[in-house]
Every structure is written in structure tokens, then in C-alpha cells.
Amino acid sequence: MARTIRINAQPNAIGGRFCRAGLCFGTVPTNLTEDELTPEQLAALQAEPMLVVEITEEVKPTAPQAKAEAKAKEEAKAAPQEEEAPAAADASGTSADAPKPEAETKAPAKSAAKEGGK
């Protein structure tokens, strides 16, 4: 199994960068593989409090797992998109998606001058 090492500087690093073991890191994570670092470099990076070091193991799926995942993805793509059922009619017998008559949608505008007097 291959291990991936993700390293980034603490957010409070001066200038947003921090160097250790001959490598410099910013606040944006850097991904390295295990074979890119010597054991001494890795130990120095892990011991440094100004760096965040995360080591993850990449698990490669077995052949049956990979085939099952690929089949599931194909089925999801091939499945026809179900069309939505027509919207239920409301109490007046019109569809919810049908446009409303203009008289219902637009209320007459009243001006403040007409209401208050002259």
C-alpha cells in the first residue's frame, strides 16, 4: 500500500511559509508520496509543531470491488430519468403550474398622495 503524506504550515506561520528538512511548506497543503522523503526527513517534519503532517494509506480496491463500483456507476448513468408527475390540481381545479389570471397576480397600486388627501 502506498502512503500519501499531506503537509502544510500552521496558519500562524510567519509569511505563510515554513521550512524544515530541506523543504518549504505554505498554508496550502502539499501532497508527497512516501518515497519522496527519507525516514529522517519524515521524522523531522512530524516533530515540527509549526507543520501539520497527515499520513494516509491508499487502499486500492480489489478486482471484484472495482467491478461492482463500475457496474453501479453504469447503472446510475443508464437509468432513465423519471419524469415528474403532473402537479396536482388545487381546489379551483387549475394546475399549480398554470399561469394565474392577471387580475389575481397584480394588485392595483395605490399612491400615498391619493390616500392622504390632495
Protein backbone atom coordinates (compact mmCIF):
# COMPACT_ATOMS: atom_id res chain seq x y z
CA MET A 1 0.00 0.00 0.00
CA ALA A 2 1.27 3.43 -0.89
CA ARG A 3 1.19 6.13 1.74
CA THR A 4 0.47 9.75 0.95
CA ILE A 5 1.87 12.45 3.20
CA ARG A 6 -0.02 15.74 3.31
CA ILE A 7 1.92 18.62 4.86
CA ASN A 8 1.07 22.26 5.39
CA ALA A 9 2.29 25.10 7.61
CA GLN A 10 0.26 26.26 10.57
CA PRO A 11 -1.94 29.26 9.70
CA ASN A 12 0.09 31.50 12.02
CA ALA A 13 3.41 30.77 10.25
CA ILE A 14 5.35 33.96 9.59
CA GLY A 15 4.94 34.91 5.95
CA GLY A 16 2.62 31.94 5.41
CA ARG A 17 5.62 29.64 4.82
CA PHE A 18 7.69 27.35 6.97
CA CYS A 19 10.77 25.34 6.00
CA ARG A 20 12.06 22.17 7.63
CA ALA A 21 14.12 19.17 6.49
CA GLY A 22 15.16 20.94 3.30
CA LEU A 23 11.58 21.53 2.16
CA CYS A 24 9.30 24.58 2.39
CA PHE A 25 5.57 24.43 3.00
CA GLY A 26 2.81 27.02 2.81
CA THR A 27 -0.66 27.10 4.29
CA VAL A 28 -1.94 25.25 1.21
CA PRO A 29 -1.32 21.50 1.72
CA THR A 30 1.44 19.77 -0.21
CA ASN A 31 0.96 16.09 -1.06
CA LEU A 32 4.04 13.88 -1.17
CA THR A 33 4.46 10.16 -1.54
CA GLU A 34 6.38 8.09 0.96
CA ASP A 35 9.28 7.52 -1.43
CA GLU A 36 9.86 11.29 -1.84
CA LEU A 37 11.08 11.62 1.78
CA THR A 38 13.80 9.89 3.74
CA PRO A 39 12.81 8.44 7.13
CA GLU A 40 14.89 11.19 8.79
CA GLN A 41 13.05 13.93 6.89
CA LEU A 42 9.68 12.43 7.77
CA ALA A 43 10.63 12.23 11.46
CA ALA A 44 11.78 15.86 11.44
CA LEU A 45 8.58 17.02 9.75
CA GLN A 46 6.38 15.10 12.18
CA ALA A 47 8.25 16.51 15.18
CA GLU A 48 7.86 20.12 14.00
CA PRO A 49 4.95 21.88 15.77
CA MET A 50 4.69 24.54 13.04
CA LEU A 51 3.69 21.90 10.48
CA VAL A 52 0.57 19.80 10.13
CA VAL A 53 1.55 16.33 8.88
CA GLU A 54 -1.14 13.82 7.88
CA ILE A 55 -0.25 10.35 6.62
CA THR A 56 -2.92 8.41 4.77
CA GLU A 57 -2.82 4.90 3.39
CA GLU A 58 -4.26 4.49 -0.06
CA VAL A 59 -6.36 1.36 -0.16
CA LYS A 60 -6.66 0.03 -3.66
CA PRO A 61 -9.94 -1.77 -4.27
CA THR A 62 -9.78 -5.43 -5.13
CA ALA A 63 -10.87 -6.53 -8.60
CA PRO A 64 -14.40 -7.61 -7.51
CA GLN A 65 -14.90 -4.32 -5.63
CA ALA A 66 -13.75 -2.28 -8.61
CA LYS A 67 -16.07 -4.18 -10.96
CA ALA A 68 -19.04 -3.72 -8.62
CA GLU A 69 -18.39 0.02 -8.30
CA ALA A 70 -18.05 0.41 -12.08
CA LYS A 71 -21.28 -1.53 -12.63
CA ALA A 72 -23.14 0.65 -10.13
CA LYS A 73 -21.90 3.81 -11.87
CA GLU A 74 -23.00 2.49 -15.28
CA GLU A 75 -26.44 1.58 -13.96
CA ALA A 76 -26.84 5.04 -12.49
CA LYS A 77 -25.97 6.64 -15.84
CA ALA A 78 -28.14 4.26 -17.87
CA ALA A 79 -31.23 4.55 -15.65
CA PRO A 80 -33.82 6.66 -17.46
CA GLN A 81 -34.69 9.88 -15.73
CA GLU A 82 -38.19 9.56 -14.33
CA GLU A 83 -40.43 12.36 -15.43
CA GLU A 84 -42.22 14.28 -12.74
CA ALA A 85 -45.92 13.59 -12.34
CA PRO A 86 -48.18 16.48 -13.33
CA ALA A 87 -48.77 18.88 -10.49
CA ALA A 88 -51.89 18.17 -8.51
CA ALA A 89 -54.81 20.47 -9.20
CA ASP A 90 -55.70 22.91 -6.47
CA ALA A 91 -59.22 23.46 -5.13
CA SER A 92 -60.22 25.66 -8.09
CA GLY A 93 -59.39 22.84 -10.50
CA THR A 94 -56.39 24.55 -12.11
CA SER A 95 -52.89 23.18 -12.13
CA ALA A 96 -50.36 24.66 -9.72
CA ASP A 97 -48.05 25.33 -12.68
CA ALA A 98 -50.74 27.07 -14.75
CA PRO A 99 -50.37 30.84 -15.01
CA LYS A 100 -52.77 32.77 -12.82
CA PRO A 101 -55.08 35.32 -14.35
CA GLU A 102 -53.55 38.75 -14.48
CA ALA A 103 -56.21 40.28 -12.21
CA GLU A 104 -55.16 37.96 -9.37
CA THR A 105 -51.45 38.47 -9.72
CA LYS A 106 -51.33 42.26 -9.93
CA ALA A 107 -52.97 44.33 -7.22
CA PRO A 108 -53.85 47.90 -8.11
CA ALA A 109 -51.17 50.28 -6.92
CA LYS A 110 -52.29 52.96 -4.52
CA SER A 111 -50.28 56.11 -4.27
CA ALA A 112 -49.68 57.71 -0.91
CA ALA A 113 -50.79 61.11 -2.25
CA LYS A 114 -54.28 59.86 -3.18
CA GLU A 115 -54.82 58.13 0.14
CA GLY A 116 -53.80 61.01 2.38
CA GLY A 117 -55.62 63.81 0.68
CA LYS A 118 -54.68 66.25 -2.10
